[in-house]
Amino acid sequence: MKLSSKLVKKQAPLEYVIYSVIIFVGILIDQLTKLLTANLMDLYESIPIIKDVIHITYVQNTGAAFGMMKDSRWLFMIVSTVMIIGLSLYLYLGHAENRLYGISIAMIVSGGIGNMIDRIGRGYVVDFIDCRFIDFYVFNVADSFVCVGCGMFLAAALYAEIAEYRKKKAQAAEAAESGDGGSDE
């Protein structure tokens, strides 16, 4: 079955390789760090990297990002699956408007898959990055990928809006100039 050209936009093969590498490497780093944490630390054990600033603290998160909505595993799995599939289709069908959008979506997908692997395999997500200097939730690499990806996506969207505004403003100024100048015929 051939997809309509309206559904699939042509992108350079390098774009897909970049996105795939980001997704794969993000999942690999996430899963490796979680495996090390779960196998080398006791639950709730905390190792200061910089005392009272950043610690490695092993916790098991049965909720959403940053421990919200505890014990809603199936809801998160369904929502995460829909989002991962939707964003992956958007990305790999070539609809990311530019590379920054594509990279940000790849990071979000990578983080979503990383945490999904935990929810399916363990029944909870391993969290271990404990930023004590801001009294924040304990999180993991996948959470970081999702948050940084969302931030990049918002920055790209803001940049695109500013560029579009400037373009329209320049076109309006150009139209006003050409309308005021008249003709010498």
Protein backbone atom coordinates (compact mmCIF):
# COMPACT_ATOMS: atom_id res chain seq x y z
CA MET A 1 0.00 0.00 0.00
CA LYS A 2 1.45 3.35 -1.04
CA LEU A 3 0.76 6.34 1.18
CA SER A 4 -0.54 9.48 -0.45
CA SER A 5 2.09 12.14 -1.16
CA LYS A 6 -0.02 14.48 0.98
CA LEU A 7 0.61 12.22 3.99
CA VAL A 8 4.32 11.73 3.39
CA LYS A 9 6.64 14.68 2.83
CA LYS A 10 10.04 14.10 1.31
CA GLN A 11 12.98 14.63 3.64
CA ALA A 12 16.66 13.92 3.24
CA PRO A 13 17.59 10.42 4.50
CA LEU A 14 20.09 12.05 6.85
CA GLU A 15 17.20 13.64 8.75
CA TYR A 16 15.73 10.22 9.53
CA VAL A 17 19.13 8.88 10.58
CA ILE A 18 19.64 11.82 12.95
CA TYR A 19 16.20 11.35 14.51
CA SER A 20 16.68 7.59 14.85
CA VAL A 21 20.11 8.02 16.48
CA ILE A 22 18.69 10.54 18.97
CA ILE A 23 15.86 8.16 19.87
CA PHE A 24 18.14 5.12 20.16
CA VAL A 25 20.92 6.85 22.12
CA GLY A 26 18.41 8.50 24.46
CA ILE A 27 16.78 5.15 25.23
CA LEU A 28 20.17 3.48 25.67
CA ILE A 29 21.48 6.11 28.12
CA ASP A 30 18.17 6.12 30.00
CA GLN A 31 17.96 2.36 30.36
CA LEU A 32 21.63 1.96 31.24
CA THR A 33 21.47 4.57 34.00
CA LYS A 34 18.26 3.03 35.38
CA LEU A 35 19.78 -0.46 35.30
CA LEU A 36 22.86 0.73 37.18
CA THR A 37 20.75 2.57 39.74
CA ALA A 38 18.36 -0.34 40.36
CA ASN A 39 21.15 -2.94 40.54
CA LEU A 40 23.75 -1.02 42.56
CA MET A 41 21.59 0.91 45.03
CA ASP A 42 19.00 0.08 47.65
CA LEU A 43 15.57 1.65 47.34
CA TYR A 44 15.63 5.20 48.78
CA GLU A 45 19.42 5.12 49.13
CA SER A 46 20.92 8.51 48.34
CA ILE A 47 24.47 9.26 47.27
CA PRO A 48 25.47 12.93 47.28
CA ILE A 49 27.32 14.08 44.18
CA ILE A 50 27.43 17.62 45.59
CA LYS A 51 25.98 17.55 49.12
CA ASP A 52 22.57 19.22 49.35
CA VAL A 53 22.77 20.22 45.68
CA ILE A 54 22.51 17.07 43.57
CA HIS A 55 22.21 13.49 44.75
CA ILE A 56 21.64 10.13 43.14
CA THR A 57 18.57 8.82 45.00
CA TYR A 58 16.87 5.58 43.97
CA VAL A 59 13.06 5.79 43.96
CA GLN A 60 10.36 3.83 42.16
CA ASN A 61 7.75 6.05 40.52
CA THR A 62 4.32 4.53 39.89
CA GLY A 63 2.92 7.88 38.75
CA ALA A 64 3.42 10.18 35.78
CA ALA A 65 6.28 12.61 35.32
CA PHE A 66 7.78 13.72 38.62
CA GLY A 67 5.58 11.33 40.63
CA MET A 68 2.22 12.94 39.83
CA MET A 69 -0.95 10.80 39.85
CA LYS A 70 0.46 7.74 41.60
CA ASP A 71 -0.74 4.25 40.64
CA SER A 72 -2.33 5.18 37.28
CA ARG A 73 0.00 2.88 35.31
CA TRP A 74 -2.51 1.75 32.65
CA LEU A 75 -3.71 5.28 31.97
CA PHE A 76 -0.11 6.44 31.44
CA MET A 77 0.68 3.47 29.26
CA ILE A 78 -2.30 4.15 27.00
CA VAL A 79 -1.69 7.91 26.77
CA SER A 80 2.06 7.39 26.31
CA THR A 81 1.53 4.81 23.57
CA VAL A 82 -0.83 7.10 21.66
CA MET A 83 1.60 10.03 21.99
CA ILE A 84 4.66 7.96 21.01
CA ILE A 85 2.90 6.56 17.93
CA GLY A 86 1.45 9.94 16.94
CA LEU A 87 4.71 11.84 17.33
CA SER A 88 6.68 9.07 15.59
CA LEU A 89 4.31 9.13 12.61
CA TYR A 90 4.50 12.92 12.46
CA LEU A 91 8.29 12.74 12.57
CA TYR A 92 8.88 9.86 10.16
CA LEU A 93 6.24 10.95 7.66
CA GLY A 94 8.30 14.11 7.29
CA HIS A 95 5.99 16.69 8.84
CA ALA A 96 8.53 18.29 11.18
CA GLU A 97 8.86 21.77 9.66
CA ASN A 98 12.57 22.02 10.36
CA ARG A 99 15.41 20.12 11.99
CA LEU A 100 14.88 21.74 15.40
CA TYR A 101 11.26 20.56 15.47
CA GLY A 102 12.42 17.10 14.38
CA ILE A 103 15.14 16.85 17.01
CA SER A 104 12.77 18.02 19.74
CA ILE A 105 10.14 15.46 18.72
CA ALA A 106 12.80 12.72 18.60
CA MET A 107 13.84 13.62 22.15
CA ILE A 108 10.23 13.50 23.38
CA VAL A 109 9.69 10.12 21.69
CA SER A 110 12.95 8.78 23.16
CA GLY A 111 11.97 9.80 26.69
CA GLY A 112 8.47 8.41 26.27
CA ILE A 113 9.81 5.06 25.10
CA GLY A 114 12.40 4.97 27.90
CA ASN A 115 9.76 5.38 30.59
CA MET A 116 7.36 3.06 28.77
CA ILE A 117 9.97 0.28 28.88
CA ASP A 118 10.05 0.67 32.68
CA ARG A 119 6.28 0.73 33.07
CA ILE A 120 5.88 -2.44 31.01
CA GLY A 121 8.91 -4.31 32.35
CA ARG A 122 8.98 -3.23 36.00
CA GLY A 123 5.53 -1.85 36.71
CA TYR A 124 7.13 1.44 37.78
CA VAL A 125 9.69 3.94 36.51
CA VAL A 126 13.15 4.13 38.06
CA ASP A 127 13.99 7.71 39.06
CA PHE A 128 17.34 8.77 40.48
CA ILE A 129 18.35 12.36 39.65
CA ASP A 130 17.67 14.31 42.83
CA CYS A 131 18.15 18.10 42.53
CA ARG A 132 17.98 19.12 46.16
CA PHE A 133 19.01 22.73 45.64
CA ILE A 134 15.55 23.48 44.22
CA ASP A 135 13.60 20.90 46.25
CA PHE A 136 12.41 19.23 43.06
CA TYR A 137 11.02 15.77 42.31
CA VAL A 138 13.44 12.93 41.66
CA PHE A 139 13.56 12.23 37.92
CA ASN A 140 15.52 10.31 35.27
CA VAL A 141 17.18 10.69 31.87
CA ALA A 142 13.93 9.96 29.99
CA ASP A 143 12.14 12.72 31.90
CA SER A 144 15.00 15.05 30.99
CA PHE A 145 14.70 14.15 27.30
CA VAL A 146 10.95 14.84 27.37
CA CYS A 147 11.36 18.19 29.16
CA VAL A 148 14.28 19.40 27.06
CA GLY A 149 12.48 18.21 23.90
CA CYS A 150 9.34 20.13 24.89
CA GLY A 151 11.41 23.23 25.66
CA MET A 152 13.14 23.00 22.30
CA PHE A 153 9.81 22.51 20.55
CA LEU A 154 8.38 25.61 22.24
CA ALA A 155 11.51 27.61 21.37
CA ALA A 156 11.25 26.47 17.74
CA ALA A 157 7.56 27.39 17.65
CA LEU A 158 8.28 30.82 19.14
CA TYR A 159 11.11 31.39 16.65
CA ALA A 160 8.81 30.37 13.76
CA GLU A 161 6.08 32.75 14.95
CA ILE A 162 8.54 35.65 15.25
CA ALA A 163 9.96 34.90 11.79
CA GLU A 164 6.45 34.75 10.31
CA TYR A 165 5.50 38.04 12.03
CA ARG A 166 8.62 39.76 10.66
CA LYS A 167 7.97 38.40 7.20
CA LYS A 168 4.38 39.70 7.19
CA LYS A 169 5.52 43.05 8.57
CA ALA A 170 8.16 43.37 5.83
CA GLN A 171 5.61 42.42 3.16
CA ALA A 172 3.16 45.01 4.49
CA ALA A 173 5.87 47.69 4.49
CA GLU A 174 6.88 46.73 0.96
CA ALA A 175 3.26 46.85 -0.22
CA ALA A 176 2.80 50.27 1.42
CA GLU A 177 5.95 51.58 -0.28
CA SER A 178 4.95 50.34 -3.70
CA GLY A 179 1.44 51.77 -3.28
CA ASP A 180 2.75 55.23 -2.23
CA GLY A 181 5.38 55.58 -4.96
CA GLY A 182 3.01 55.73 -7.89
CA SER A 183 4.01 55.34 -11.52
CA ASP A 184 6.06 57.68 -13.82
CA GLU A 185 4.15 56.86 -17.01
